[in-house]
Amino acid sequence: KREKEKAISKLEPTHADISYGPHERNVFDIWLPESPLKKEATSLPLPVFIFFHGGGFVGGDKSSFSPQIYLDAGIACVSANYRFVDSSETLSPVPMQDGARVIQTLRHRASEWNIDGGRIAVSGSSAGAVMAMWIAYKDDLKIDDSEDPVERQSSRVNCVVPINGPTNLLPDWIV
């Protein structure tokens, strides 16, 4: 069983290190499931499961996510990095805004990857769970008249699955 777990965690993404913003940590990986009959991409637009790693907003990496169970269910998966807070230049809600930008980027590029921008679930562990909840309960960050086509996309999601996420944060805690 241990070897199978190692193999799952090393599953190569369909597309790696997709940039969604100007910072070096603004990247995500995407895995697209294959049709079980043809071993090729499915034809219907795929629902999407987005995962944000934990790490107290100061550590962690997108490589900690294992997508296989979702891929087996025919769900596209995304694991994203985000900017860390540093108590001086990068403060809250910057990581959460990065997470919302991932969603907007996916919607903007939905036809390219055959994903359904109307069926997006967001999840994460610990700090990633805080991000998922913030995105799910925050007003839509869409800017209709933006010159940036990504910002014209909705940041709303259909489902939130927080894992071990604190729900009461003191403002100075996420500096």
C-alpha atoms as a PDB file:
ATOM      1  CA  LYS A   1       0.000   0.000   0.000  1.00  0.00           C
ATOM      2  CA  ARG A   2       2.838   2.422   0.823  1.00  0.00           C
ATOM      3  CA  GLU A   3       4.268   2.153  -2.724  1.00  0.00           C
ATOM      4  CA  LYS A   4       0.826   2.912  -4.205  1.00  0.00           C
ATOM      5  CA  GLU A   5       0.547   6.049  -2.026  1.00  0.00           C
ATOM      6  CA  LYS A   6       3.980   7.212  -3.213  1.00  0.00           C
ATOM      7  CA  ALA A   7       2.987   6.590  -6.843  1.00  0.00           C
ATOM      8  CA  ILE A   8      -0.219   8.609  -6.430  1.00  0.00           C
ATOM      9  CA  SER A   9       1.578  11.578  -4.930  1.00  0.00           C
ATOM     10  CA  LYS A  10       4.014  11.590  -7.860  1.00  0.00           C
ATOM     11  CA  LEU A  11       1.320  11.651 -10.564  1.00  0.00           C
ATOM     12  CA  GLU A  12       2.519  14.165 -13.142  1.00  0.00           C
ATOM     13  CA  PRO A  13       0.055  16.964 -13.896  1.00  0.00           C
ATOM     14  CA  THR A  14      -1.396  17.300 -17.374  1.00  0.00           C
ATOM     15  CA  HIS A  15      -0.105  20.891 -17.317  1.00  0.00           C
ATOM     16  CA  ALA A  16       2.396  22.063 -14.674  1.00  0.00           C
ATOM     17  CA  ASP A  17       3.284  25.495 -13.330  1.00  0.00           C
ATOM     18  CA  ILE A  18       0.571  27.437 -15.139  1.00  0.00           C
ATOM     19  CA  SER A  19       1.038  31.114 -14.315  1.00  0.00           C
ATOM     20  CA  TYR A  20      -2.017  33.007 -13.076  1.00  0.00           C
ATOM     21  CA  GLY A  21      -0.309  36.193 -11.868  1.00  0.00           C
ATOM     22  CA  PRO A  22       2.950  38.145 -11.805  1.00  0.00           C
ATOM     23  CA  HIS A  23       4.507  36.665  -8.645  1.00  0.00           C
ATOM     24  CA  GLU A  24       6.750  33.569  -8.896  1.00  0.00           C
ATOM     25  CA  ARG A  25       4.375  31.694  -6.517  1.00  0.00           C
ATOM     26  CA  ASN A  26       1.344  32.476  -8.709  1.00  0.00           C
ATOM     27  CA  VAL A  27       1.346  29.058 -10.371  1.00  0.00           C
ATOM     28  CA  PHE A  28      -0.883  26.001 -10.381  1.00  0.00           C
ATOM     29  CA  ASP A  29      -0.863  22.454 -11.709  1.00  0.00           C
ATOM     30  CA  ILE A  30      -3.864  20.930 -13.483  1.00  0.00           C
ATOM     31  CA  TRP A  31      -4.702  17.262 -13.966  1.00  0.00           C
ATOM     32  CA  LEU A  32      -7.326  16.261 -16.519  1.00  0.00           C
ATOM     33  CA  PRO A  33      -8.918  12.803 -16.244  1.00  0.00           C
ATOM     34  CA  GLU A  34      -8.855  10.365 -19.129  1.00  0.00           C
ATOM     35  CA  SER A  35     -11.882   8.544 -20.474  1.00  0.00           C
ATOM     36  CA  PRO A  36     -11.759   5.017 -18.998  1.00  0.00           C
ATOM     37  CA  LEU A  37     -12.713   3.511 -22.372  1.00  0.00           C
ATOM     38  CA  LYS A  38     -10.488   5.462 -24.749  1.00  0.00           C
ATOM     39  CA  LYS A  39      -7.617   6.622 -22.503  1.00  0.00           C
ATOM     40  CA  GLU A  40      -7.993  10.100 -23.921  1.00  0.00           C
ATOM     41  CA  ALA A  41      -9.504  13.353 -22.729  1.00  0.00           C
ATOM     42  CA  THR A  42     -13.264  13.244 -22.145  1.00  0.00           C
ATOM     43  CA  SER A  43     -15.551  15.246 -24.442  1.00  0.00           C
ATOM     44  CA  LEU A  44     -17.968  16.780 -21.901  1.00  0.00           C
ATOM     45  CA  PRO A  45     -16.748  19.803 -19.942  1.00  0.00           C
ATOM     46  CA  LEU A  46     -15.317  18.583 -16.649  1.00  0.00           C
ATOM     47  CA  PRO A  47     -16.155  19.720 -13.136  1.00  0.00           C
ATOM     48  CA  VAL A  48     -13.136  21.134 -11.293  1.00  0.00           C
ATOM     49  CA  PHE A  49     -11.758  20.522  -7.797  1.00  0.00           C
ATOM     50  CA  ILE A  50      -9.249  23.152  -6.619  1.00  0.00           C
ATOM     51  CA  PHE A  51      -6.961  22.478  -3.654  1.00  0.00           C
ATOM     52  CA  PHE A  52      -4.937  25.028  -1.671  1.00  0.00           C
ATOM     53  CA  HIS A  53      -2.146  23.644   0.525  1.00  0.00           C
ATOM     54  CA  GLY A  54      -1.724  24.408   4.215  1.00  0.00           C
ATOM     55  CA  GLY A  55       1.297  25.923   5.909  1.00  0.00           C
ATOM     56  CA  GLY A  56       0.124  28.817   8.046  1.00  0.00           C
ATOM     57  CA  PHE A  57       0.330  31.207   5.077  1.00  0.00           C
ATOM     58  CA  VAL A  58       4.131  31.084   5.385  1.00  0.00           C
ATOM     59  CA  GLY A  59       5.000  27.650   3.954  1.00  0.00           C
ATOM     60  CA  GLY A  60       3.767  24.688   1.934  1.00  0.00           C
ATOM     61  CA  ASP A  61       3.581  23.803  -1.729  1.00  0.00           C
ATOM     62  CA  LYS A  62       1.096  22.630  -4.361  1.00  0.00           C
ATOM     63  CA  SER A  63       2.998  19.331  -4.718  1.00  0.00           C
ATOM     64  CA  SER A  64       1.404  18.016  -1.493  1.00  0.00           C
ATOM     65  CA  PHE A  65      -1.894  17.271  -3.291  1.00  0.00           C
ATOM     66  CA  SER A  66      -2.818  13.787  -4.580  1.00  0.00           C
ATOM     67  CA  PRO A  67      -5.492  14.041  -7.308  1.00  0.00           C
ATOM     68  CA  GLN A  68      -6.086  10.382  -8.205  1.00  0.00           C
ATOM     69  CA  ILE A  69      -9.380   9.819  -6.357  1.00  0.00           C
ATOM     70  CA  TYR A  70     -10.919  12.844  -8.092  1.00  0.00           C
ATOM     71  CA  LEU A  71      -9.510  11.933 -11.499  1.00  0.00           C
ATOM     72  CA  ASP A  72     -11.015   8.452 -11.120  1.00  0.00           C
ATOM     73  CA  ALA A  73     -14.395  10.159 -10.631  1.00  0.00           C
ATOM     74  CA  GLY A  74     -13.960  12.198 -13.840  1.00  0.00           C
ATOM     75  CA  ILE A  75     -13.123  15.482 -12.086  1.00  0.00           C
ATOM     76  CA  ALA A  76     -10.358  17.833 -13.237  1.00  0.00           C
ATOM     77  CA  CYS A  77      -8.033  18.834 -10.393  1.00  0.00           C
ATOM     78  CA  VAL A  78      -5.984  21.917  -9.670  1.00  0.00           C
ATOM     79  CA  SER A  79      -3.407  22.430  -6.937  1.00  0.00           C
ATOM     80  CA  ALA A  80      -2.219  26.002  -6.539  1.00  0.00           C
ATOM     81  CA  ASN A  81       0.554  27.893  -4.848  1.00  0.00           C
ATOM     82  CA  TYR A  82      -0.062  31.388  -3.521  1.00  0.00           C
ATOM     83  CA  ARG A  83       1.988  34.214  -2.068  1.00  0.00           C
ATOM     84  CA  PHE A  84       3.071  33.835   1.543  1.00  0.00           C
ATOM     85  CA  VAL A  85       2.524  36.585   4.090  1.00  0.00           C
ATOM     86  CA  ASP A  86       5.703  38.221   5.361  1.00  0.00           C
ATOM     87  CA  SER A  87       4.530  40.787   7.975  1.00  0.00           C
ATOM     88  CA  SER A  88       5.672  43.708   5.855  1.00  0.00           C
ATOM     89  CA  GLU A  89       4.814  43.758   2.138  1.00  0.00           C
ATOM     90  CA  THR A  90       2.535  40.759   1.687  1.00  0.00           C
ATOM     91  CA  LEU A  91      -0.328  40.716   4.174  1.00  0.00           C
ATOM     92  CA  SER A  92      -3.794  39.195   4.394  1.00  0.00           C
ATOM     93  CA  PRO A  93      -5.943  39.005   2.242  1.00  0.00           C
ATOM     94  CA  VAL A  94      -3.279  38.635  -0.493  1.00  0.00           C
ATOM     95  CA  PRO A  95      -3.198  34.775  -0.391  1.00  0.00           C
ATOM     96  CA  MET A  96      -7.005  34.658  -0.569  1.00  0.00           C
ATOM     97  CA  GLN A  97      -7.042  37.065  -3.498  1.00  0.00           C
ATOM     98  CA  ASP A  98      -4.498  34.812  -5.219  1.00  0.00           C
ATOM     99  CA  GLY A  99      -6.877  31.893  -4.694  1.00  0.00           C
ATOM    100  CA  ALA A 100      -9.757  33.824  -6.231  1.00  0.00           C
ATOM    101  CA  ARG A 101      -7.522  34.654  -9.207  1.00  0.00           C
ATOM    102  CA  VAL A 102      -6.920  30.911  -9.735  1.00  0.00           C
ATOM    103  CA  ILE A 103     -10.681  30.445 -10.133  1.00  0.00           C
ATOM    104  CA  GLN A 104     -10.945  33.391 -12.503  1.00  0.00           C
ATOM    105  CA  THR A 105      -8.016  32.076 -14.563  1.00  0.00           C
ATOM    106  CA  LEU A 106      -9.633  28.651 -14.837  1.00  0.00           C
ATOM    107  CA  ARG A 107     -12.872  30.202 -16.043  1.00  0.00           C
ATOM    108  CA  HIS A 108     -10.982  32.339 -18.551  1.00  0.00           C
ATOM    109  CA  ARG A 109      -9.190  29.262 -19.947  1.00  0.00           C
ATOM    110  CA  ALA A 110     -12.079  26.775 -19.525  1.00  0.00           C
ATOM    111  CA  SER A 111     -12.490  25.962 -23.222  1.00  0.00           C
ATOM    112  CA  GLU A 112      -8.739  25.341 -23.583  1.00  0.00           C
ATOM    113  CA  TRP A 113      -8.867  22.571 -20.949  1.00  0.00           C
ATOM    114  CA  ASN A 114     -12.482  21.470 -21.512  1.00  0.00           C
ATOM    115  CA  ILE A 115     -13.503  22.343 -17.962  1.00  0.00           C
ATOM    116  CA  ASP A 116     -16.904  23.530 -16.783  1.00  0.00           C
ATOM    117  CA  GLY A 117     -16.586  26.999 -15.257  1.00  0.00           C
ATOM    118  CA  GLY A 118     -20.031  26.518 -13.770  1.00  0.00           C
ATOM    119  CA  ARG A 119     -19.001  23.513 -11.652  1.00  0.00           C
ATOM    120  CA  ILE A 120     -16.086  24.487  -9.422  1.00  0.00           C
ATOM    121  CA  ALA A 121     -15.373  23.179  -5.918  1.00  0.00           C
ATOM    122  CA  VAL A 122     -12.676  24.695  -3.742  1.00  0.00           C
ATOM    123  CA  SER A 123     -10.870  23.007  -0.870  1.00  0.00           C
ATOM    124  CA  GLY A 124      -7.737  23.190   1.189  1.00  0.00           C
ATOM    125  CA  SER A 125      -6.102  22.112   4.384  1.00  0.00           C
ATOM    126  CA  SER A 126      -5.469  24.446   7.342  1.00  0.00           C
ATOM    127  CA  ALA A 127      -4.452  27.802   5.791  1.00  0.00           C
ATOM    128  CA  GLY A 128      -5.747  26.453   2.477  1.00  0.00           C
ATOM    129  CA  ALA A 129      -9.103  25.764   4.161  1.00  0.00           C
ATOM    130  CA  VAL A 130      -9.209  29.381   5.344  1.00  0.00           C
ATOM    131  CA  MET A 131      -8.621  30.437   1.739  1.00  0.00           C
ATOM    132  CA  ALA A 132     -11.359  28.117   0.478  1.00  0.00           C
ATOM    133  CA  MET A 133     -13.857  29.481   3.011  1.00  0.00           C
ATOM    134  CA  TRP A 134     -12.887  33.100   2.328  1.00  0.00           C
ATOM    135  CA  ILE A 135     -13.407  32.574  -1.412  1.00  0.00           C
ATOM    136  CA  ALA A 136     -16.715  30.750  -0.903  1.00  0.00           C
ATOM    137  CA  TYR A 137     -18.220  33.361   1.426  1.00  0.00           C
ATOM    138  CA  LYS A 138     -16.682  36.520  -0.055  1.00  0.00           C
ATOM    139  CA  ASP A 139     -18.619  38.652  -2.510  1.00  0.00           C
ATOM    140  CA  ASP A 140     -17.742  37.991  -6.139  1.00  0.00           C
ATOM    141  CA  LEU A 141     -14.452  39.694  -7.085  1.00  0.00           C
ATOM    142  CA  LYS A 142     -15.423  39.967 -10.766  1.00  0.00           C
ATOM    143  CA  ILE A 143     -14.764  43.397 -12.299  1.00  0.00           C
ATOM    144  CA  ASP A 144     -17.020  43.717 -15.345  1.00  0.00           C
ATOM    145  CA  ASP A 145     -15.221  46.647 -16.954  1.00  0.00           C
ATOM    146  CA  SER A 146     -11.640  45.520 -16.273  1.00  0.00           C
ATOM    147  CA  GLU A 147      -9.113  45.624 -19.093  1.00  0.00           C
ATOM    148  CA  ASP A 148      -7.809  42.292 -17.749  1.00  0.00           C
ATOM    149  CA  PRO A 149     -10.025  39.518 -19.199  1.00  0.00           C
ATOM    150  CA  VAL A 150      -9.277  37.283 -16.199  1.00  0.00           C
ATOM    151  CA  GLU A 151     -10.675  39.884 -13.779  1.00  0.00           C
ATOM    152  CA  ARG A 152     -13.921  39.905 -15.800  1.00  0.00           C
ATOM    153  CA  GLN A 153     -14.513  36.291 -14.685  1.00  0.00           C
ATOM    154  CA  SER A 154     -16.491  35.367 -11.579  1.00  0.00           C
ATOM    155  CA  SER A 155     -14.678  34.179  -8.445  1.00  0.00           C
ATOM    156  CA  ARG A 156     -17.809  32.371  -7.159  1.00  0.00           C
ATOM    157  CA  VAL A 157     -17.708  28.612  -6.529  1.00  0.00           C
ATOM    158  CA  ASN A 158     -20.382  25.916  -6.211  1.00  0.00           C
ATOM    159  CA  CYS A 159     -18.925  23.998  -3.314  1.00  0.00           C
ATOM    160  CA  VAL A 160     -16.454  24.484  -0.454  1.00  0.00           C
ATOM    161  CA  VAL A 161     -14.704  21.619   1.355  1.00  0.00           C
ATOM    162  CA  PRO A 162     -12.504  23.000   4.147  1.00  0.00           C
ATOM    163  CA  ILE A 163     -10.183  20.493   5.838  1.00  0.00           C
ATOM    164  CA  ASN A 164      -8.947  21.315   9.367  1.00  0.00           C
ATOM    165  CA  GLY A 165      -9.515  25.008   8.836  1.00  0.00           C
ATOM    166  CA  PRO A 166      -9.679  27.423  11.740  1.00  0.00           C
ATOM    167  CA  THR A 167     -12.838  29.523  11.530  1.00  0.00           C
ATOM    168  CA  ASN A 168     -11.901  32.252  14.000  1.00  0.00           C
ATOM    169  CA  LEU A 169      -8.777  34.248  13.170  1.00  0.00           C
ATOM    170  CA  LEU A 170      -7.555  37.320  14.965  1.00  0.00           C
ATOM    171  CA  PRO A 171      -6.713  40.104  12.497  1.00  0.00           C
ATOM    172  CA  ASP A 172      -3.081  40.311  13.643  1.00  0.00           C
ATOM    173  CA  TRP A 173      -2.656  36.542  13.340  1.00  0.00           C
ATOM    174  CA  ILE A 174      -2.455  36.632   9.546  1.00  0.00           C
ATOM    175  CA  VAL A 175      -0.036  39.465   9.105  1.00  0.00           C
END
